[in-house]
Protein backbone atom coordinates (compact mmCIF):
# COMPACT_ATOMS: atom_id res chain seq x y z
CA UNK A 1 -38.57 43.99 31.20
CA UNK A 2 -35.92 41.41 32.01
CA UNK A 3 -33.72 38.95 30.17
CA UNK A 4 -34.73 35.36 30.79
CA UNK A 5 -32.33 32.45 30.34
CA UNK A 6 -34.32 29.40 29.28
CA UNK A 7 -32.85 25.92 29.76
CA UNK A 8 -32.98 23.66 26.72
CA UNK A 9 -31.45 20.61 25.12
CA UNK A 10 -29.86 20.33 21.65
CA UNK A 11 -31.76 19.00 18.66
CA UNK A 12 -29.83 16.57 16.48
CA UNK A 13 -31.36 17.61 13.16
CA UNK A 14 -30.44 21.29 12.97
CA UNK A 15 -27.72 21.01 10.35
CA UNK A 16 -28.41 23.73 7.75
CA UNK A 17 -28.14 22.86 4.08
CA UNK A 18 -27.05 25.18 1.30
CA UNK A 19 -30.38 27.02 1.68
CA UNK A 20 -30.52 27.08 5.47
CA UNK A 21 -32.54 24.93 7.86
CA UNK A 22 -35.81 23.65 6.38
CA UNK A 23 -38.35 21.50 8.17
CA UNK A 24 -42.10 21.11 8.48
CA UNK A 25 -43.85 23.87 10.40
CA UNK A 26 -44.73 21.44 13.18
CA UNK A 27 -41.02 20.78 13.72
CA UNK A 28 -40.28 24.48 14.15
CA UNK A 29 -43.26 24.77 16.50
CA UNK A 30 -41.75 22.29 18.94
CA UNK A 31 -40.77 23.91 22.24
CA UNK A 32 -37.32 25.52 21.96
CA UNK A 33 -36.65 24.33 18.36
CA UNK A 34 -36.57 27.72 16.62
CA UNK A 35 -35.02 29.36 19.67
CA UNK A 36 -32.14 26.86 19.77
CA UNK A 37 -31.12 27.54 16.19
CA UNK A 38 -31.44 31.32 16.53
CA UNK A 39 -29.38 31.31 19.73
CA UNK A 40 -26.72 29.30 17.91
CA UNK A 41 -26.56 32.13 15.36
CA UNK A 42 -26.24 34.78 18.07
CA UNK A 43 -23.60 32.73 19.93
CA UNK A 44 -21.36 32.30 16.89
CA UNK A 45 -21.72 35.52 14.88
CA UNK A 46 -20.38 39.01 15.71
CA UNK A 47 -23.80 40.64 16.04
CA UNK A 48 -23.76 42.11 19.54
CA UNK A 49 -24.06 45.89 19.35
CA UNK A 50 -24.74 45.63 15.63
CA UNK A 51 -27.63 45.84 13.19
CA UNK A 52 -29.62 42.86 11.91
CA UNK A 53 -32.05 42.57 8.98
CA UNK A 54 -35.10 40.36 9.59
CA UNK A 55 -38.03 39.24 7.46
CA UNK A 56 -39.45 36.41 5.40
CA UNK A 57 -41.70 35.30 2.59
CA UNK A 58 -44.95 35.55 4.57
CA UNK A 59 -45.58 31.83 4.83
CA UNK A 60 -47.35 30.27 7.83
CA UNK A 61 -45.43 30.86 11.10
CA UNK A 62 -43.52 33.82 9.63
CA UNK A 63 -45.06 36.44 11.93
CA UNK A 64 -44.78 34.36 15.09
CA UNK A 65 -41.15 33.50 14.34
CA UNK A 66 -40.31 37.19 13.81
CA UNK A 67 -41.72 38.10 17.22
CA UNK A 68 -39.69 35.37 18.90
CA UNK A 69 -36.48 36.38 17.09
CA UNK A 70 -36.98 40.05 17.99
CA UNK A 71 -37.23 39.18 21.69
CA UNK A 72 -34.15 37.01 21.43
CA UNK A 73 -32.22 39.70 19.54
CA UNK A 74 -33.04 42.21 22.28
CA UNK A 75 -31.83 39.76 24.92
CA UNK A 76 -28.60 39.09 23.06
CA UNK A 77 -27.42 42.67 22.78
CA UNK A 78 -28.39 43.48 19.18
CA UNK A 79 -28.56 47.26 18.89
CA UNK A 80 -31.06 47.51 16.04
CA UNK A 81 -33.19 45.28 13.83
CA UNK A 82 -34.53 46.32 10.42
CA UNK A 83 -37.79 44.44 9.82
CA UNK A 84 -39.63 44.25 6.51
CA UNK A 85 -43.09 45.80 6.78
CA UNK A 86 -45.60 43.16 7.81
CA UNK A 87 -42.71 40.74 8.20
CA UNK A 88 -42.51 40.58 4.39
CA UNK A 89 -39.04 40.70 2.87
CA UNK A 90 -37.98 39.02 -0.35
CA UNK A 91 -34.63 37.28 -0.23
CA UNK A 92 -32.97 39.63 -2.78
CA UNK A 93 -34.46 42.65 -0.99
CA UNK A 94 -33.00 41.37 2.28
CA UNK A 95 -29.60 41.07 0.62
CA UNK A 96 -29.96 44.64 -0.64
CA UNK A 97 -30.86 45.99 2.81
CA UNK A 98 -27.86 44.26 4.40
CA UNK A 99 -25.56 45.80 1.81
CA UNK A 100 -27.19 49.25 1.65
CA UNK A 101 -27.22 49.79 5.41
CA UNK A 102 -24.00 47.84 6.01
CA UNK A 103 -25.54 45.66 8.67
CA UNK A 104 -23.79 42.77 10.36
CA UNK A 105 -26.09 40.27 8.67
CA UNK A 106 -29.66 39.16 8.34
CA UNK A 107 -32.04 36.35 9.23
CA UNK A 108 -34.36 35.30 6.40
CA UNK A 109 -37.41 33.15 7.11
CA UNK A 110 -38.30 31.10 4.07
CA UNK A 111 -38.46 27.63 2.59
CA UNK A 112 -38.08 29.19 -0.86
CA UNK A 113 -40.31 27.49 -3.44
CA UNK A 114 -41.67 24.83 -1.06
CA UNK A 115 -45.41 24.87 -0.18
CA UNK A 116 -46.62 26.81 2.86
CA UNK A 117 -49.31 26.26 5.49
CA UNK A 118 -49.73 24.64 8.92
CA UNK A 119 -48.80 21.20 7.57
CA UNK A 120 -46.20 22.38 5.08
CA UNK A 121 -42.68 23.84 5.19
CA UNK A 122 -40.80 26.55 7.02
CA UNK A 123 -37.18 27.61 6.90
CA UNK A 124 -34.56 29.93 8.34
CA UNK A 125 -31.13 30.99 7.16
CA UNK A 126 -28.46 33.49 8.10
CA UNK A 127 -27.01 35.88 5.52
CA UNK A 128 -23.61 37.38 6.21
CA UNK A 129 -22.55 41.03 6.05
CA UNK A 130 -21.90 40.84 2.31
CA UNK A 131 -25.63 40.14 1.86
CA UNK A 132 -25.11 36.58 0.70
CA UNK A 133 -25.89 33.16 2.17
CA UNK A 134 -23.56 32.20 4.97
CA UNK A 135 -20.37 30.47 3.92
CA UNK A 136 -19.81 26.86 4.95
CA UNK A 137 -17.51 27.83 7.82
CA UNK A 138 -20.35 29.93 9.28
CA UNK A 139 -23.04 27.28 8.86
CA UNK A 140 -20.73 24.66 10.35
CA UNK A 141 -20.09 26.90 13.37
CA UNK A 142 -23.83 27.44 13.85
CA UNK A 143 -24.47 23.70 13.60
CA UNK A 144 -21.66 22.85 16.01
CA UNK A 145 -23.09 25.29 18.55
CA UNK A 146 -26.61 23.91 18.08
CA UNK A 147 -25.34 20.48 19.14
CA UNK A 148 -23.96 21.87 22.42
CA UNK A 149 -26.52 24.49 23.38
CA UNK A 150 -28.12 24.21 26.82
CA UNK A 151 -29.93 27.57 27.10
CA UNK A 152 -31.15 30.57 25.14
CA UNK A 153 -31.83 34.21 26.04
CA UNK A 154 -35.21 35.89 25.65
CA UNK A 155 -36.56 39.30 26.59
CA UNK A 156 -39.38 38.77 29.08
CA UNK A 157 -42.04 40.97 30.67
CA UNK A 158 -45.36 40.25 32.31
CA UNK A 159 -47.24 42.33 29.75
CA UNK A 160 -45.19 41.30 26.66
CA UNK A 161 -47.10 39.16 24.18
CA UNK A 162 -45.02 37.66 21.34
CA UNK A 163 -47.67 38.78 18.84
CA UNK A 164 -47.96 42.28 20.25
CA UNK A 165 -45.07 44.22 18.70
CA UNK A 166 -46.42 46.14 15.70
CA UNK A 167 -44.52 45.21 12.55
CA UNK A 168 -47.18 46.48 10.14
CA UNK A 169 -46.52 50.21 10.42
CA UNK A 170 -43.34 51.79 9.03
CA UNK A 171 -41.43 53.49 11.84
CA UNK A 172 -39.25 52.91 14.89
CA UNK A 173 -39.99 51.53 18.34
CA UNK A 174 -38.05 50.21 21.30
CA UNK A 175 -37.91 46.66 22.57
CA UNK A 176 -35.91 46.84 25.76
CA UNK A 177 -32.59 48.44 24.82
CA UNK A 178 -32.98 47.48 21.14
CA UNK A 179 -34.40 49.66 18.37
CA UNK A 180 -36.84 48.01 15.99
CA UNK A 181 -37.25 49.82 12.68
CA UNK A 182 -39.98 48.62 10.34
CA UNK A 183 -38.94 49.54 6.80
CA UNK A 184 -40.66 49.71 3.43
CA UNK A 185 -38.34 47.33 1.62
CA UNK A 186 -40.37 47.66 -1.60
CA UNK A 187 -39.31 51.30 -2.06
CA UNK A 188 -35.68 50.48 -1.24
CA UNK A 189 -35.61 47.68 -3.77
CA UNK A 190 -37.39 49.72 -6.45
CA UNK A 191 -34.82 52.48 -6.07
CA UNK A 192 -32.03 49.98 -6.73
CA UNK A 193 -33.78 48.68 -9.85
CA UNK A 194 -34.08 52.21 -11.23
CA UNK A 195 -30.28 52.52 -11.09
CA UNK A 196 -29.89 49.36 -13.20
CA UNK A 197 -32.62 49.58 -15.81
CA UNK A 198 -34.03 52.19 -18.19
CA UNK A 199 -37.40 52.84 -16.57
CA UNK A 200 -38.19 55.69 -18.98
CA UNK A 201 -37.71 53.44 -22.01
CA UNK A 202 -39.79 50.67 -20.43
CA UNK A 203 -42.59 53.15 -19.60
CA UNK A 204 -42.64 54.25 -23.25
CA UNK A 205 -42.64 50.62 -24.32
CA UNK A 206 -45.73 49.92 -22.23
CA UNK A 207 -47.40 53.13 -23.47
CA UNK A 208 -46.73 52.80 -27.18
CA UNK A 209 -46.21 49.17 -28.05
CA UNK A 210 -48.95 46.68 -28.73
CA UNK A 211 -47.56 44.63 -25.90
CA UNK A 212 -49.34 42.30 -23.48
CA UNK A 213 -47.83 40.83 -20.35
CA UNK A 214 -48.57 39.15 -17.04
CA UNK A 215 -46.49 38.58 -13.92
CA UNK A 216 -47.64 35.81 -11.57
CA UNK A 217 -46.50 36.44 -8.00
CA UNK A 218 -48.03 33.10 -6.94
CA UNK A 219 -49.44 34.65 -3.74
CA UNK A 220 -45.84 34.89 -2.54
CA UNK A 221 -43.45 37.60 -1.48
CA UNK A 222 -42.83 39.41 -4.79
CA UNK A 223 -46.46 40.53 -5.15
CA UNK A 224 -46.01 43.95 -3.48
CA UNK A 225 -42.66 44.53 -5.23
CA UNK A 226 -43.97 43.60 -8.69
CA UNK A 227 -47.21 45.55 -8.38
CA UNK A 228 -45.38 48.72 -7.29
CA UNK A 229 -42.64 48.51 -9.94
CA UNK A 230 -44.55 47.11 -12.91
CA UNK A 231 -47.94 48.76 -12.49
CA UNK A 232 -47.19 51.97 -10.57
CA UNK A 233 -43.70 52.95 -11.74
CA UNK A 234 -43.67 51.45 -15.25
CA UNK A 235 -47.33 51.88 -16.05
CA UNK A 236 -48.25 48.31 -16.94
CA UNK A 237 -52.05 47.98 -17.09
CA UNK A 238 -53.76 47.30 -13.75
CA UNK A 239 -54.07 43.57 -13.26
CA UNK A 240 -50.82 42.82 -15.07
CA UNK A 241 -49.60 41.39 -11.75
CA UNK A 242 -51.77 38.48 -10.65
CA UNK A 243 -51.87 36.59 -7.35
CA UNK A 244 -50.16 39.62 -5.85
CA UNK A 245 -51.31 39.27 -2.22
CA UNK A 246 -48.84 37.22 -0.15
CA UNK A 247 -50.74 34.48 1.69
CA UNK A 248 -49.59 32.16 4.45
CA UNK A 249 -50.38 29.10 2.35
CA UNK A 250 -49.63 30.72 -1.03
CA UNK A 251 -53.30 30.33 -1.89
CA UNK A 252 -52.98 26.56 -1.66
CA UNK A 253 -50.56 26.53 -4.58
CA UNK A 254 -46.97 25.50 -4.96
CA UNK A 255 -44.91 28.71 -5.33
CA UNK A 256 -42.37 27.21 -7.70
CA UNK A 257 -42.22 29.02 -11.08
CA UNK A 258 -41.99 26.19 -13.54
CA UNK A 259 -44.07 24.77 -16.37
CA UNK A 260 -45.99 22.47 -14.02
CA UNK A 261 -46.77 24.67 -11.03
CA UNK A 262 -47.43 27.77 -13.16
CA UNK A 263 -49.44 25.91 -15.80
CA UNK A 264 -52.22 28.52 -15.78
CA UNK A 265 -49.74 31.25 -16.68
CA UNK A 266 -48.17 29.09 -19.38
CA UNK A 267 -51.59 28.59 -20.95
CA UNK A 268 -52.02 32.38 -21.17
CA UNK A 269 -49.06 32.55 -23.60
CA UNK A 270 -50.35 29.94 -26.03
CA UNK A 271 -51.80 30.59 -29.48
CA UNK A 272 -52.15 33.65 -31.68
CA UNK A 273 -53.88 35.60 -28.91
CA UNK A 274 -51.40 34.58 -26.25
CA UNK A 275 -49.49 37.07 -24.15
CA UNK A 276 -46.34 38.58 -25.60
CA UNK A 277 -44.51 38.13 -22.30
CA UNK A 278 -45.16 36.34 -19.03
CA UNK A 279 -43.11 35.70 -15.94
CA UNK A 280 -43.42 34.26 -12.46
CA UNK A 281 -41.45 34.24 -9.26
CA UNK A 282 -41.30 31.87 -6.30
CA UNK A 283 -42.01 31.89 -2.57
CA UNK A 284 -39.18 34.14 -1.44
CA UNK A 285 -38.64 36.03 -4.71
CA UNK A 286 -35.27 34.70 -5.79
CA UNK A 287 -36.40 32.52 -8.71
CA UNK A 288 -37.94 33.40 -12.05
CA UNK A 289 -39.57 31.88 -15.09
CA UNK A 290 -39.57 33.73 -18.42
CA UNK A 291 -42.11 33.01 -21.16
CA UNK A 292 -42.94 34.48 -24.56
CA UNK A 293 -45.79 33.73 -26.88
CA UNK A 294 -45.62 29.99 -27.50
CA UNK A 295 -42.13 29.76 -26.05
CA UNK A 296 -40.37 29.04 -22.77
CA UNK A 297 -36.92 30.43 -22.00
CA UNK A 298 -34.91 27.88 -20.07
CA UNK A 299 -32.98 29.41 -17.15
CA UNK A 300 -29.76 28.30 -18.84
CA UNK A 301 -30.64 30.15 -22.05
CA UNK A 302 -31.85 33.14 -20.04
CA UNK A 303 -28.44 33.53 -18.38
CA UNK A 304 -26.65 33.17 -21.71
CA UNK A 305 -28.90 35.72 -23.43
CA UNK A 306 -28.54 38.24 -20.60
CA UNK A 307 -24.76 37.86 -20.76
CA UNK A 308 -24.70 38.26 -24.55
CA UNK A 309 -26.84 41.44 -24.38
CA UNK A 310 -25.67 42.97 -21.11
CA UNK A 311 -24.21 46.09 -22.76
CA UNK A 312 -27.72 47.06 -23.89
CA UNK A 313 -28.80 47.49 -20.25
CA UNK A 314 -27.77 50.70 -18.41
CA UNK A 315 -26.44 48.96 -15.31
CA UNK A 316 -24.09 46.85 -17.44
CA UNK A 317 -23.38 49.24 -20.31
CA UNK A 318 -19.64 49.22 -19.57
CA UNK A 319 -19.51 45.44 -19.95
CA UNK A 320 -19.33 42.56 -17.55
CA UNK A 321 -16.26 41.12 -15.87
CA UNK A 322 -17.22 37.46 -16.15
CA UNK A 323 -19.97 34.84 -15.94
CA UNK A 324 -20.55 31.93 -13.57
CA UNK A 325 -23.00 29.06 -13.72
CA UNK A 326 -23.73 26.14 -11.44
CA UNK A 327 -22.40 22.81 -12.64
CA UNK A 328 -25.82 21.34 -13.61
CA UNK A 329 -26.70 24.46 -15.63
CA UNK A 330 -26.28 24.03 -19.39
CA UNK A 331 -23.10 25.16 -21.10
CA UNK A 332 -24.90 27.85 -23.12
CA UNK A 333 -23.29 30.60 -21.04
CA UNK A 334 -19.85 29.09 -21.66
CA UNK A 335 -20.28 29.65 -25.39
CA UNK A 336 -21.14 33.31 -24.83
CA UNK A 337 -18.15 33.75 -22.54
CA UNK A 338 -15.85 32.18 -25.11
CA UNK A 339 -17.16 34.42 -27.90
CA UNK A 340 -16.86 37.56 -25.75
CA UNK A 341 -13.49 36.46 -24.32
CA UNK A 342 -14.79 36.55 -20.75
CA UNK A 343 -13.91 34.32 -17.80
CA UNK A 344 -16.53 31.63 -17.11
CA UNK A 345 -16.74 29.63 -13.88
CA UNK A 346 -18.49 26.33 -13.20
CA UNK A 347 -19.45 26.13 -9.51
CA UNK A 348 -21.39 23.78 -7.25
CA UNK A 349 -25.08 24.48 -6.72
CA UNK A 350 -25.57 27.14 -4.04
CA UNK A 351 -25.45 30.90 -4.33
CA UNK A 352 -22.70 31.25 -1.74
CA UNK A 353 -20.19 30.02 -4.33
CA UNK A 354 -21.15 32.88 -6.63
CA UNK A 355 -20.79 35.29 -3.69
CA UNK A 356 -17.03 34.77 -3.48
CA UNK A 357 -16.64 35.44 -7.21
CA UNK A 358 -18.90 38.51 -7.05
CA UNK A 359 -17.10 39.95 -4.03
CA UNK A 360 -13.77 39.46 -5.79
CA UNK A 361 -15.04 41.25 -8.91
CA UNK A 362 -14.42 38.22 -11.09
CA UNK A 363 -17.99 38.00 -12.40
CA UNK A 364 -20.94 40.32 -13.00
CA UNK A 365 -23.65 37.80 -13.95
CA UNK A 366 -24.41 34.34 -12.63
CA UNK A 367 -27.16 31.75 -12.71
CA UNK A 368 -28.45 28.33 -11.83
CA UNK A 369 -30.63 26.05 -13.91
CA UNK A 370 -33.15 25.92 -11.05
CA UNK A 371 -34.75 29.16 -12.27
CA UNK A 372 -32.23 31.43 -10.55
CA UNK A 373 -30.20 34.26 -12.02
CA UNK A 374 -28.55 37.35 -10.63
CA UNK A 375 -25.77 39.90 -10.79
CA UNK A 376 -23.43 41.91 -8.64
CA UNK A 377 -26.23 44.25 -7.47
CA UNK A 378 -26.98 41.85 -4.55
CA UNK A 379 -25.59 38.54 -3.30
CA UNK A 380 -28.68 36.42 -3.92
CA UNK A 381 -30.45 35.31 -7.05
CA UNK A 382 -33.18 37.79 -7.89
CA UNK A 383 -36.37 36.86 -9.70
CA UNK A 384 -37.86 40.29 -10.30
CA UNK A 385 -34.48 41.66 -11.41
CA UNK A 386 -34.40 39.01 -14.16
CA UNK A 387 -37.92 39.96 -15.28
CA UNK A 388 -36.94 43.63 -15.50
CA UNK A 389 -33.78 42.71 -17.43
CA UNK A 390 -35.91 40.90 -20.00
CA UNK A 391 -38.44 43.73 -20.23
CA UNK A 392 -35.62 46.25 -20.72
CA UNK A 393 -34.10 44.00 -23.41
CA UNK A 394 -37.44 43.66 -25.20
CA UNK A 395 -37.86 47.44 -25.13
CA UNK A 396 -34.38 48.01 -26.57
CA UNK A 397 -34.58 45.39 -29.32
CA UNK A 398 -38.25 45.70 -30.20
CA UNK A 399 -38.31 41.97 -30.91
CA UNK A 400 -40.43 39.17 -29.48
CA UNK A 401 -39.07 36.72 -26.92
CA UNK A 402 -39.12 33.97 -29.56
CA UNK A 403 -37.14 36.10 -32.01
CA UNK A 404 -34.51 36.92 -29.39
CA UNK A 405 -34.17 33.20 -28.64
CA UNK A 406 -33.77 32.27 -32.31
CA UNK A 407 -31.24 35.05 -32.92
CA UNK A 408 -29.20 33.83 -29.97
CA UNK A 409 -29.23 30.21 -31.16
CA UNK A 410 -28.28 31.28 -34.69
CA UNK A 411 -25.22 33.05 -33.30
CA UNK A 412 -24.10 30.69 -30.53
CA UNK A 413 -25.79 27.37 -31.32
CA UNK A 414 -28.44 25.72 -29.21
CA UNK A 415 -27.98 23.73 -26.02
CA UNK A 416 -31.04 21.48 -25.77
CA UNK A 417 -31.54 21.07 -22.07
CA UNK A 418 -34.01 19.61 -19.59
CA UNK A 419 -34.23 18.62 -15.93
CA UNK A 420 -36.14 15.56 -14.73
CA UNK A 421 -37.04 15.59 -11.03
CA UNK A 422 -37.99 12.52 -9.01
CA UNK A 423 -39.35 14.04 -5.80
CA UNK A 424 -39.76 12.52 -2.32
CA UNK A 425 -38.16 9.20 -3.18
CA UNK A 426 -36.76 6.92 -0.50
CA UNK A 427 -33.49 8.44 0.73
CA UNK A 428 -31.71 5.09 1.00
CA UNK A 429 -32.76 4.16 -2.53
CA UNK A 430 -31.54 7.51 -3.87
CA UNK A 431 -28.17 7.15 -2.16
CA UNK A 432 -27.90 3.59 -3.47
CA UNK A 433 -28.51 4.84 -7.01
CA UNK A 434 -25.72 7.40 -6.69
CA UNK A 435 -23.35 4.81 -5.25
CA UNK A 436 -24.15 2.49 -8.16
CA UNK A 437 -23.20 5.25 -10.61
CA UNK A 438 -19.93 5.97 -8.80
CA UNK A 439 -19.01 2.29 -8.99
CA UNK A 440 -19.07 2.58 -12.81
CA UNK A 441 -16.72 5.60 -13.16
CA UNK A 442 -13.61 3.68 -14.09
CA UNK A 443 -15.42 1.54 -16.68
CA UNK A 444 -17.35 4.23 -18.56
CA UNK A 445 -14.77 6.38 -20.42
CA UNK A 446 -14.35 5.09 -23.98
CA UNK A 447 -17.56 3.05 -23.90
CA UNK A 448 -20.24 3.63 -26.51
CA UNK A 449 -23.72 3.73 -24.98
CA UNK A 450 -26.81 4.31 -27.10
CA UNK A 451 -24.72 5.76 -29.91
CA UNK A 452 -22.81 8.17 -27.62
CA UNK A 453 -19.17 7.61 -26.69
CA UNK A 454 -18.33 8.47 -23.07
CA UNK A 455 -15.39 10.87 -22.66
CA UNK A 456 -15.46 11.28 -18.88
CA UNK A 457 -17.34 10.30 -15.72
CA UNK A 458 -16.74 11.98 -12.37
CA UNK A 459 -18.18 13.35 -9.15
CA UNK A 460 -17.77 17.10 -9.57
CA UNK A 461 -15.27 18.78 -7.25
CA UNK A 462 -14.78 22.56 -7.09
CA UNK A 463 -11.69 24.43 -5.98
CA UNK A 464 -12.70 27.99 -5.16
CA UNK A 465 -10.33 30.40 -6.95
CA UNK A 466 -10.90 33.06 -4.28
CA UNK A 467 -10.48 31.29 -0.93
CA UNK A 468 -8.97 27.97 -2.14
CA UNK A 469 -11.68 25.94 -0.40
CA UNK A 470 -12.58 22.60 -1.98
CA UNK A 471 -16.13 21.29 -2.34
CA UNK A 472 -16.24 17.63 -3.35
CA UNK A 473 -19.03 15.21 -4.33
CA UNK A 474 -21.21 17.91 -5.89
CA UNK A 475 -22.93 15.75 -8.48
CA UNK A 476 -22.16 13.00 -10.94
CA UNK A 477 -21.25 14.12 -14.46
CA UNK A 478 -21.15 11.81 -17.45
CA UNK A 479 -19.87 13.59 -20.55
CA UNK A 480 -19.84 12.42 -24.14
CA UNK A 481 -17.46 13.21 -26.99
CA UNK A 482 -20.00 15.37 -28.85
CA UNK A 483 -20.40 17.68 -25.82
CA UNK A 484 -23.60 16.11 -24.54
CA UNK A 485 -23.94 15.52 -20.80
CA UNK A 486 -26.05 13.67 -18.25
CA UNK A 487 -25.76 14.91 -14.68
CA UNK A 488 -27.19 13.24 -11.56
CA UNK A 489 -27.60 15.10 -8.30
CA UNK A 490 -29.49 14.72 -5.03
CA UNK A 491 -31.13 17.98 -4.00
CA UNK A 492 -31.41 19.25 -0.44
CA UNK A 493 -34.32 21.65 -0.97
CA UNK A 494 -37.09 19.29 0.13
CA UNK A 495 -38.13 18.40 3.68
CA UNK A 496 -39.18 14.77 3.15
CA UNK A 497 -37.29 11.98 1.41
CA UNK A 498 -34.83 12.82 -1.35
CA UNK A 499 -35.18 14.58 -4.69
CA UNK A 500 -33.18 13.05 -7.53
CA UNK A 501 -32.48 15.57 -10.28
CA UNK A 502 -31.28 14.42 -13.68
CA UNK A 503 -29.97 17.05 -16.10
CA UNK A 504 -29.77 16.29 -19.81
CA UNK A 505 -27.93 18.39 -22.38
CA UNK A 506 -27.23 18.10 -26.10
CA UNK A 507 -25.63 20.76 -28.32
CA UNK A 508 -26.59 21.56 -31.92
CA UNK A 509 -24.46 24.23 -33.62
CA UNK A 510 -26.36 24.28 -36.93
CA UNK A 511 -29.53 26.46 -36.86
CA UNK A 512 -30.90 24.56 -39.86
CA UNK A 513 -30.91 21.33 -37.85
CA UNK A 514 -32.50 22.71 -34.72
CA UNK A 515 -35.71 21.03 -33.54
CA UNK A 516 -38.74 22.39 -31.68
CA UNK A 517 -39.29 19.41 -29.36
CA UNK A 518 -36.57 19.39 -26.70
CA UNK A 519 -37.70 16.13 -25.08
CA UNK A 520 -37.60 14.36 -28.44
CA UNK A 521 -34.06 15.59 -29.08
CA UNK A 522 -32.99 14.42 -25.63
CA UNK A 523 -34.74 11.03 -25.80
CA UNK A 524 -31.49 9.06 -26.47
CA UNK A 525 -29.88 10.68 -23.40
CA UNK A 526 -32.99 9.98 -21.30
CA UNK A 527 -32.67 6.30 -22.21
CA UNK A 528 -28.96 6.33 -21.35
CA UNK A 529 -29.69 7.89 -17.95
CA UNK A 530 -32.27 5.19 -17.20
CA UNK A 531 -29.89 2.44 -18.29
CA UNK A 532 -26.90 3.68 -16.29
CA UNK A 533 -28.76 4.59 -13.09
CA UNK A 534 -31.40 1.83 -13.11
CA UNK A 535 -33.97 4.48 -12.14
CA UNK A 536 -37.12 2.35 -12.30
CA UNK A 537 -35.53 -0.58 -10.57
CA UNK A 538 -34.02 1.45 -7.74
CA UNK A 539 -36.71 4.08 -7.10
CA UNK A 540 -39.88 2.34 -8.21
CA UNK A 541 -40.77 5.37 -10.33
CA UNK A 542 -41.97 5.00 -13.90
CA UNK A 543 -41.61 8.69 -14.74
CA UNK A 544 -40.30 11.97 -13.30
CA UNK A 545 -42.49 14.02 -10.97
CA UNK A 546 -41.63 17.24 -12.82
CA UNK A 547 -39.99 17.84 -16.20
CA UNK A 548 -38.64 21.32 -16.96
């Protein structure tokens, strides 16, 4: 075997977003495209002689990319790579492996909740030694190098086929001077969960209670993890985990756990014979959706309820140090923090901002409205962890999901909340809409619009209390005197066009006045958002693509 230096030219579009580099599969399949970005990681990060974690969500091109990265790692002096069996590694499990084995970092291959297949999406990101997504200074260094790169290094041999190295069998092998260890990440992750949750109580709950449940893995990465933990360790009935086999195209579905893309699961919870509990996770396992019979738990409420009940869970029995939420997430968690006299942080969207607070010990729980929640056990959001938290809570309280929701609202009040997504709209039109809103900032405070008086209008800026970094232009907030909010933000999770997300929030403190229909409650704010942003006029859309 020999190390080959391959000449190349930079690609201009390899700037990673908050979730790494995401493009269509055909873009990554271009000659040198994947290799350029990976070499930029190796050139800028202290990995030589160290250990790297590698795996992905099993989507199309996952296995081929792993083989290429292994050959490049061997050529760049990496001493050892830990690979998820079959190339499968959920994002939270990857974070756990990095932390457990104290590796120098990890490369995760995923486009999260985006569709998979030959004509769909692929992604890659680097996680640092703390197990979390790379900080901005790291991603900027990788991007800067990708703009200058003129060659990459690759292990080469006449008889070496990129699809030949066996990653399906647990065990160690050599690739040149580098050790490749294929690990059973499911067992590692399950062991961590058993330290956090009361598995004995949950096993008894499944044995003795008249309790029905279903977990939809959406043919994505959490299937093996959920089947092993829920069915084998906790004793849930066989078949409780559906769509458990990870597939390269996610079975033709969209692995995004929301009310639209998991409609079949939602239907299973409806009516008197509906399931008591249902949940789903996304492509790479870091998102979750929680459902009860005839009820949906918004991610914002889920975070608030977990924070309010954390002491009932073994891993958090001594209390939590603080809570953090992303700026677009509802203020439900803030009310819990105030009642419990805990610090509460409002951060930009992106898990790396939570990582600083977690590493500093300032928070124990955190969450985003985009179906993500997590804690200090890893440095990523963790979908299956959230499901186990809820199951443990149900077992402790002996109440239904709906009852737990109502008890929480009776104590803390209810934040009616919804997100309206306009997907794949023209990028220039989306940017024009945001610019139009910014032009109104100085005029809005004090105005009464649709019966609501504006108290502030800004483009959210965050000063990190740990490293003093400043992140500006994180989303437009328009707040009203009664505590209601409308937030506008362009999302970077898609691969084509722009996604405009509009977040709507209204608070009702009186349980007697609370209403079942969230969209009806929010209708005045929906009209205000349309009026201020001129959505139809500027995007050509009559309605959102997805409402959650």
